[in-house]
Every structure is written in C-alpha cells, then in structure tokens.
Amino acid sequence: MSVIVEPAQVIAETTAQTRRRGFLARLSKNRVAFVSGIFIVTLVLLSLIGPTVYQQLLPPEQQQWRDGIFQDYDAINANPSALHWLGADYLGRDNFARLLGAIRISLLVAGVVELINIGFGGILGLMAGYRGGMWDILFSRLADMLFAFPGLLLAILIAAVFGSVARDVFGSTGRLLLVAAALSLVSWPLMFRFVRGETLSVKKEDYVTAAQSIGARVTRILFRHILPNVLWLVIVAATLDVASVIVNEATLSLLGLGIEEPGTSLGLMIFKAKDKLQQYPLQIFFPALTITLLVLAFSFLGDGLRDALDPTNQG
C-alpha cells in the first residue's frame, strides 16, 4: 500500500513546490508589493514594541504621560511637541501612544477574522468542493444567504443588537470579541467560495485520482494532496480581505459600535475627534492617514502575492 500511495504524494508535493518555486524572486520584482510587505511588518513591530520604547524615552517619573491613558490636563488638544509627538486629544492623552494601540487593535481584529475565515470558510470550501452532494448544497446555500445581505450593514446590526450583552458577559473585551465575530460572519463566505472553486479544479488532477484509486482517506487527500495546491489562493484572499476588515472595524468604531474607551482604535479616535475637525484637524488626520496606508499596503501586497503565487504566472 505504501509503495502505491507514495508516488501520488510525491506528485502532489512536487506540484505544490513548483508553484512556490521562485516566489520570493517574483515578489521582489514587484517593488510596490515588496515595500508594502516591509511597511506592514514595520507597523506590526512598531505596534508591539513601540509603546514601551516610546515611554522609556522619558525619565521614569514622566513615562506615564505616554501610556495613552494618562490625562495631561496641561496638554489638552495640544499640537505635536517633543513631549507628545502627535499632540494630545481632548482629555490630554498622548495621541501617538493611542495611535500605536489603535494599530495593534486593528491588526489584532484583522488577524482573528482571517484565522476564522481560513479555519471555517477554508475548511468548509475544501469539504464542499471535494465531497459535493449535500455538503456542497448545504454550505453553498448558507454562503448565498449571507451574500444576500450587505456585509457591513449586517455587521452593524449584530454589533448594535448584541453590543451591551457582549460587554456584560465578557467585560471590557466584549465589544472587541463581538466586532471580530460580526466581521467573521460576513467574511467567511467569500473565502469559502474561493477555496471551493479551486478545490473543484484541483480534485480533477491525476495525483488526486491516483490517491482515490488506492483508497486513501478523505482527510489525507484533502490535507496532503489538495490543500498544498490551493494554499496560494487562501493566502492571497486573506491578505486582500484584511484591507476590508480594517475599514469595516474602523467604521463600526466610528459609529460608536466598536471598541470602547479607555480602549482605542483608529475609528474610535476619528469618532472622538470629529466634532473638533475645524479646530484640531490633526487629531483626525493621523488615524485617517494610518487607515489609508494600511489599506493600500495590504491591497498592494495582496496583488503582489497573487501575481507571485499564481500557478499560471511562473515567468
């Protein structure tokens, strides 16, 4: 049995390796995507270690002024300065510290949503595409039902109806969990559709037929033969979807349905500063610019990954 199974496995793995061959070389040729990837990695590191470093640049007795929560009443609505690099908000809290925290929240929500999309939508797409029959009909119709609703409006409805319940049950993190759950609910059908379509194509390959002919288990065929060859599509779809998740999370917070104070998010920073746009435009400018750069970076990176990982583009 092992003598027969091994060639099919080798062919599947060789096909996946062929698709990945030269990936970094092709990605590096797309300078916009390559720079976008570096920018995203830099922001991730900055959001993780930046707050601590930013505080430690001050003497110990003044470090609390840059924790994003401390209210410096002498710096209310202050302009950028040596003490507060991006100024302070309407309560005297350091805008740069809050911006770093907001980036971390946006990336955290996007990461959780994409993990759910891949784990739920991706696996269901594999099963529906490979097994067909009732599996395909059931989950395809469920995805179609969710596609019938405008995604953002459905997320807004969920956040508005269950916001207070989530806060009462899970405390200060309740709204964060609810936002991630609401955005996941409206995002997974797209991942499901992508993976299902690619699985329908891959399962017709000879190495899959060979594995089926010798009685290989379904889980082995899915995760050893099919998944490696649809993984490129999953990566591209998840990267491109991050941009929309970031915008939708900011929109929920902008409407007062997302993260609550003393927490911070990009949308919440804009929401709290919108009434002072004329007097203090920088309080909106920096979070709005950050959202724009994040969306552009993930969009450019997704396009570059699609070109670099697409098996039809091996030149």
Protein backbone atom coordinates (compact mmCIF):
# COMPACT_ATOMS: atom_id res chain seq x y z
CA MET A 1 0.00 0.00 0.00
CA SER A 2 2.73 2.48 0.94
CA VAL A 3 4.52 1.80 -2.34
CA ILE A 4 1.41 2.91 -4.22
CA VAL A 5 0.49 5.87 -2.06
CA GLU A 6 3.93 7.44 -2.09
CA PRO A 7 4.08 8.34 -5.81
CA ALA A 8 0.75 10.21 -5.59
CA GLN A 9 2.01 12.08 -2.55
CA VAL A 10 5.30 12.91 -4.28
CA ILE A 11 3.47 14.23 -7.35
CA ALA A 12 1.19 16.43 -5.19
CA GLU A 13 4.09 17.80 -3.16
CA THR A 14 6.15 18.38 -6.31
CA THR A 15 3.27 20.30 -7.87
CA ALA A 16 2.99 22.50 -4.76
CA GLN A 17 6.76 23.06 -4.73
CA THR A 18 6.67 24.01 -8.40
CA ARG A 19 4.06 26.65 -7.63
CA ARG A 20 6.19 28.07 -4.83
CA ARG A 21 9.45 27.97 -6.78
CA GLY A 22 10.83 31.43 -7.34
CA PHE A 23 8.11 33.04 -5.19
CA LEU A 24 10.41 35.48 -3.43
CA ALA A 25 12.13 36.33 -6.70
CA ARG A 26 8.84 37.16 -8.39
CA LEU A 27 7.57 39.09 -5.37
CA SER A 28 10.77 41.13 -5.13
CA LYS A 29 10.30 42.21 -8.75
CA ASN A 30 7.05 43.89 -7.71
CA ARG A 31 8.63 46.75 -5.79
CA VAL A 32 5.33 48.22 -4.63
CA ALA A 33 4.23 44.89 -3.11
CA PHE A 34 7.67 44.27 -1.60
CA VAL A 35 7.77 47.71 0.03
CA SER A 36 4.19 47.23 1.22
CA GLY A 37 5.19 44.00 2.93
CA ILE A 38 8.10 45.70 4.66
CA PHE A 39 5.80 48.55 5.72
CA ILE A 40 3.28 46.11 7.23
CA VAL A 41 5.98 44.21 9.13
CA THR A 42 7.34 47.52 10.41
CA LEU A 43 3.90 48.58 11.63
CA VAL A 44 3.38 45.24 13.37
CA LEU A 45 6.69 45.55 15.21
CA LEU A 46 6.02 49.20 15.98
CA SER A 47 2.60 48.42 17.46
CA LEU A 48 4.09 45.67 19.63
CA ILE A 49 7.28 47.26 20.98
CA GLY A 50 6.71 50.90 20.08
CA PRO A 51 4.59 51.85 23.14
CA THR A 52 7.24 50.58 25.58
CA VAL A 53 10.11 52.25 23.73
CA TYR A 54 8.14 55.48 23.39
CA GLN A 55 7.55 55.62 27.14
CA GLN A 56 11.14 54.76 28.06
CA LEU A 57 12.44 57.74 26.11
CA LEU A 58 11.25 59.82 29.08
CA PRO A 59 12.50 59.80 32.67
CA PRO A 60 10.74 57.19 34.85
CA GLU A 61 8.62 59.78 36.64
CA GLN A 62 7.22 61.07 33.32
CA GLN A 63 6.70 57.81 31.46
CA GLN A 64 3.03 57.60 32.40
CA TRP A 65 2.38 60.69 30.28
CA ARG A 66 2.86 58.50 27.21
CA ASP A 67 0.83 55.42 28.19
CA GLY A 68 -2.19 56.50 26.14
CA ILE A 69 -4.45 56.60 29.21
CA PHE A 70 -2.89 59.22 31.49
CA GLN A 71 -4.62 62.58 31.18
CA ASP A 72 -2.22 65.51 30.98
CA TYR A 73 -4.57 68.41 31.60
CA ASP A 74 -1.89 70.90 30.60
CA ALA A 75 -1.78 69.33 27.12
CA ILE A 76 -5.48 69.10 26.25
CA ASN A 77 -5.83 69.37 22.45
CA ALA A 78 -2.12 70.20 22.28
CA ASN A 79 -0.29 70.31 18.97
CA PRO A 80 2.66 67.95 18.28
CA SER A 81 5.62 68.62 20.56
CA ALA A 82 8.75 66.99 21.94
CA LEU A 83 6.69 65.52 24.79
CA HIS A 84 3.64 64.42 22.75
CA TRP A 85 4.89 63.65 19.25
CA LEU A 86 1.44 63.75 17.64
CA GLY A 87 -0.11 66.06 20.20
CA ALA A 88 -2.80 65.16 22.73
CA ASP A 89 -6.54 64.57 22.49
CA TYR A 90 -9.48 66.29 24.18
CA LEU A 91 -8.60 64.63 27.50
CA GLY A 92 -4.88 65.31 27.29
CA ARG A 93 -3.96 61.72 26.35
CA ASP A 94 -0.95 61.18 24.12
CA ASN A 95 -2.11 60.72 20.51
CA PHE A 96 0.95 58.79 19.37
CA ALA A 97 0.60 56.23 22.15
CA ARG A 98 -3.09 55.84 21.38
CA LEU A 99 -2.35 55.54 17.67
CA LEU A 100 0.09 52.69 18.29
CA GLY A 101 -2.53 50.95 20.41
CA ALA A 102 -5.14 51.54 17.69
CA ILE A 103 -2.91 49.95 15.04
CA ARG A 104 -2.42 46.93 17.30
CA ILE A 105 -6.18 46.58 17.77
CA SER A 106 -6.89 46.89 14.04
CA LEU A 107 -4.28 44.28 13.17
CA LEU A 108 -5.46 42.01 16.00
CA VAL A 109 -9.07 42.13 14.83
CA ALA A 110 -7.99 41.55 11.22
CA GLY A 111 -5.81 38.62 12.28
CA VAL A 112 -8.59 36.97 14.30
CA VAL A 113 -11.10 37.45 11.48
CA GLU A 114 -8.75 35.93 8.90
CA LEU A 115 -7.95 32.97 11.16
CA ILE A 116 -11.68 32.29 11.45
CA ASN A 117 -12.15 32.78 7.72
CA ILE A 118 -9.37 30.31 6.92
CA GLY A 119 -10.30 27.82 9.62
CA PHE A 120 -14.04 27.89 8.93
CA GLY A 121 -14.59 29.11 5.38
CA GLY A 122 -11.46 27.45 4.04
CA ILE A 123 -12.14 24.01 5.51
CA LEU A 124 -15.80 24.11 4.50
CA GLY A 125 -14.72 25.11 1.00
CA LEU A 126 -12.38 22.13 0.83
CA MET A 127 -15.08 19.73 2.00
CA ALA A 128 -17.81 21.16 -0.23
CA GLY A 129 -15.58 21.25 -3.29
CA TYR A 130 -14.26 17.73 -2.81
CA ARG A 131 -17.26 15.85 -1.46
CA GLY A 132 -20.02 17.65 -3.37
CA GLY A 133 -23.56 16.41 -2.81
CA MET A 134 -25.33 17.59 0.32
CA TRP A 135 -22.13 19.10 1.74
CA ASP A 136 -21.87 21.38 -1.27
CA ILE A 137 -25.56 22.23 -1.41
CA LEU A 138 -25.87 22.98 2.31
CA PHE A 139 -22.86 25.25 2.72
CA SER A 140 -23.20 26.89 -0.70
CA ARG A 141 -26.78 27.88 0.09
CA LEU A 142 -25.71 29.15 3.53
CA ALA A 143 -23.00 31.26 1.91
CA ASP A 144 -25.51 32.55 -0.66
CA MET A 145 -27.87 33.59 2.15
CA LEU A 146 -25.14 35.65 3.78
CA PHE A 147 -24.15 37.14 0.42
CA ALA A 148 -27.75 38.34 0.05
CA PHE A 149 -27.22 40.79 2.94
CA PRO A 150 -24.90 43.81 2.62
CA GLY A 151 -21.96 42.63 4.73
CA LEU A 152 -21.22 45.84 6.58
CA LEU A 153 -24.88 46.52 7.35
CA LEU A 154 -25.23 43.02 8.80
CA ALA A 155 -22.14 43.56 10.95
CA ILE A 156 -23.55 46.90 12.14
CA LEU A 157 -26.85 45.21 13.04
CA ILE A 158 -25.09 42.48 15.03
CA ALA A 159 -22.87 44.98 16.86
CA ALA A 160 -25.84 47.22 17.69
CA VAL A 161 -28.10 44.41 18.95
CA PHE A 162 -25.57 42.40 20.94
CA GLY A 163 -23.11 45.12 21.98
CA SER A 164 -24.41 45.59 25.52
CA VAL A 165 -24.76 41.83 26.02
CA ALA A 166 -21.17 41.23 24.95
CA ARG A 167 -19.94 43.93 27.32
CA ASP A 168 -21.92 42.50 30.25
CA VAL A 169 -20.72 38.93 29.63
CA PHE A 170 -17.10 39.46 28.62
CA GLY A 171 -16.34 42.82 30.20
CA SER A 172 -14.11 45.36 28.51
CA THR A 173 -13.06 42.88 25.81
CA GLY A 174 -16.65 42.02 24.92
CA ARG A 175 -17.04 44.63 22.21
CA LEU A 176 -13.71 43.63 20.68
CA LEU A 177 -14.80 39.98 20.52
CA LEU A 178 -18.18 40.97 19.10
CA VAL A 179 -16.61 43.08 16.35
CA ALA A 180 -14.32 40.19 15.36
CA ALA A 181 -17.25 37.74 15.38
CA ALA A 182 -19.52 40.04 13.36
CA LEU A 183 -16.87 40.70 10.71
CA SER A 184 -16.03 36.98 10.54
CA LEU A 185 -19.67 36.12 9.96
CA VAL A 186 -19.86 38.36 6.89
CA SER A 187 -16.38 37.49 5.58
CA TRP A 188 -16.12 33.68 5.60
CA PRO A 189 -18.48 33.07 2.63
CA LEU A 190 -16.02 34.76 0.26
CA MET A 191 -13.17 32.54 1.45
CA PHE A 192 -15.48 29.54 1.16
CA ARG A 193 -16.33 30.38 -2.43
CA PHE A 194 -12.69 30.89 -3.44
CA VAL A 195 -11.49 27.63 -1.88
CA ARG A 196 -14.45 25.63 -3.16
CA GLY A 197 -13.87 26.76 -6.73
CA GLU A 198 -10.15 25.96 -6.63
CA THR A 199 -10.81 22.59 -4.98
CA LEU A 200 -13.23 21.65 -7.77
CA SER A 201 -10.39 22.27 -10.22
CA VAL A 202 -7.60 20.55 -8.26
CA LYS A 203 -9.56 17.38 -7.45
CA LYS A 204 -9.58 16.52 -11.16
CA GLU A 205 -5.78 16.25 -11.24
CA ASP A 206 -4.20 12.85 -11.85
CA TYR A 207 -2.48 12.63 -8.47
CA VAL A 208 -5.82 13.06 -6.68
CA THR A 209 -7.40 10.39 -8.85
CA ALA A 210 -4.46 8.08 -8.09
CA ALA A 211 -4.86 8.61 -4.35
CA GLN A 212 -8.60 7.91 -4.61
CA SER A 213 -8.00 4.72 -6.60
CA ILE A 214 -5.90 3.12 -3.89
CA GLY A 215 -8.39 4.02 -1.16
CA ALA A 216 -6.62 6.91 0.58
CA ARG A 217 -8.64 8.51 3.36
CA VAL A 218 -10.55 11.70 2.58
CA THR A 219 -8.64 13.69 5.21
CA ARG A 220 -5.33 12.58 3.70
CA ILE A 221 -6.40 13.57 0.21
CA LEU A 222 -7.66 16.94 1.41
CA PHE A 223 -4.71 17.96 3.57
CA ARG A 224 -1.82 16.21 1.79
CA HIS A 225 -2.81 16.46 -1.86
CA ILE A 226 -5.36 19.26 -2.36
CA LEU A 227 -4.61 21.81 0.38
CA PRO A 228 -0.96 22.46 -0.62
CA ASN A 229 -2.16 23.37 -4.10
CA VAL A 230 -4.95 25.75 -3.01
CA LEU A 231 -2.94 27.36 -0.23
CA TRP A 232 -1.68 30.10 -2.55
CA LEU A 233 -5.27 31.23 -3.14
CA VAL A 234 -6.03 31.19 0.59
CA ILE A 235 -3.03 33.41 1.32
CA VAL A 236 -3.93 35.90 -1.41
CA ALA A 237 -7.61 36.02 -0.46
CA ALA A 238 -6.81 36.51 3.24
CA THR A 239 -4.30 39.28 2.53
CA LEU A 240 -6.71 41.18 0.30
CA ASP A 241 -9.55 40.71 2.80
CA VAL A 242 -7.50 42.29 5.62
CA ALA A 243 -7.93 45.68 3.95
CA SER A 244 -11.74 45.46 4.04
CA VAL A 245 -11.70 44.14 7.63
CA ILE A 246 -9.63 47.13 8.76
CA VAL A 247 -12.04 49.56 7.08
CA ASN A 248 -15.11 47.77 8.47
CA GLU A 249 -13.69 47.66 12.00
CA ALA A 250 -12.92 51.37 11.80
CA THR A 251 -16.45 52.02 10.52
CA LEU A 252 -18.03 50.16 13.44
CA SER A 253 -15.91 52.12 15.91
CA LEU A 254 -16.65 55.35 14.05
CA LEU A 255 -20.36 54.66 14.56
CA GLY A 256 -19.79 54.01 18.26
CA LEU A 257 -20.43 50.26 17.90
CA GLY A 258 -16.87 49.00 18.18
CA ILE A 259 -14.11 49.37 20.74
CA GLU A 260 -15.00 51.48 23.77
CA GLU A 261 -12.84 53.79 25.87
CA PRO A 262 -10.47 53.64 27.62
CA GLY A 263 -9.54 51.31 24.76
CA THR A 264 -8.55 52.75 21.44
CA SER A 265 -8.98 52.05 17.75
CA LEU A 266 -8.47 54.04 14.58
CA GLY A 267 -12.20 54.50 14.09
CA LEU A 268 -12.73 55.48 17.72
CA MET A 269 -10.00 58.15 17.51
CA ILE A 270 -11.76 59.66 14.49
CA PHE A 271 -15.15 59.38 16.19
CA LYS A 272 -13.99 61.25 19.28
CA ALA A 273 -12.26 63.99 17.28
CA LYS A 274 -14.88 64.58 14.58
CA ASP A 275 -16.54 67.46 16.45
CA LYS A 276 -13.19 69.27 16.62
CA LEU A 277 -12.26 68.86 12.98
CA GLN A 278 -12.09 72.57 12.28
CA GLN A 279 -10.06 73.49 15.37
CA TYR A 280 -7.80 70.43 15.64
CA PRO A 281 -7.67 68.65 12.25
CA LEU A 282 -4.50 66.72 13.13
CA GLN A 283 -6.44 64.59 15.62
CA ILE A 284 -8.36 63.12 12.70
CA PHE A 285 -5.61 63.38 10.10
CA PHE A 286 -3.19 60.89 11.71
CA PRO A 287 -5.65 58.00 12.29
CA ALA A 288 -7.26 58.59 8.89
CA LEU A 289 -3.84 58.55 7.22
CA THR A 290 -2.95 55.35 9.07
CA ILE A 291 -6.13 53.62 7.83
CA THR A 292 -5.38 54.75 4.28
CA LEU A 293 -1.80 53.49 4.39
CA LEU A 294 -2.80 50.16 5.94
CA VAL A 295 -5.49 49.54 3.33
CA LEU A 296 -3.18 50.48 0.46
CA ALA A 297 -0.32 48.37 1.83
CA PHE A 298 -2.44 45.21 2.22
CA SER A 299 -4.07 45.78 -1.17
CA PHE A 300 -0.72 46.18 -2.93
CA LEU A 301 0.74 43.21 -1.05
CA GLY A 302 -2.26 41.07 -1.94
CA ASP A 303 -1.92 41.97 -5.62
CA GLY A 304 1.79 41.16 -5.49
CA LEU A 305 1.17 37.83 -3.75
CA ARG A 306 -1.46 36.93 -6.32
CA ASP A 307 0.99 37.53 -9.16
CA ALA A 308 3.83 35.74 -7.37
CA LEU A 309 1.85 32.70 -6.21
CA ASP A 310 -0.48 32.26 -9.17
CA PRO A 311 0.47 28.94 -10.79
CA THR A 312 -0.35 30.37 -14.23
CA ASN A 313 2.25 33.11 -13.76
CA GLN A 314 5.54 31.31 -13.45
CA GLY A 315 7.57 33.64 -15.66
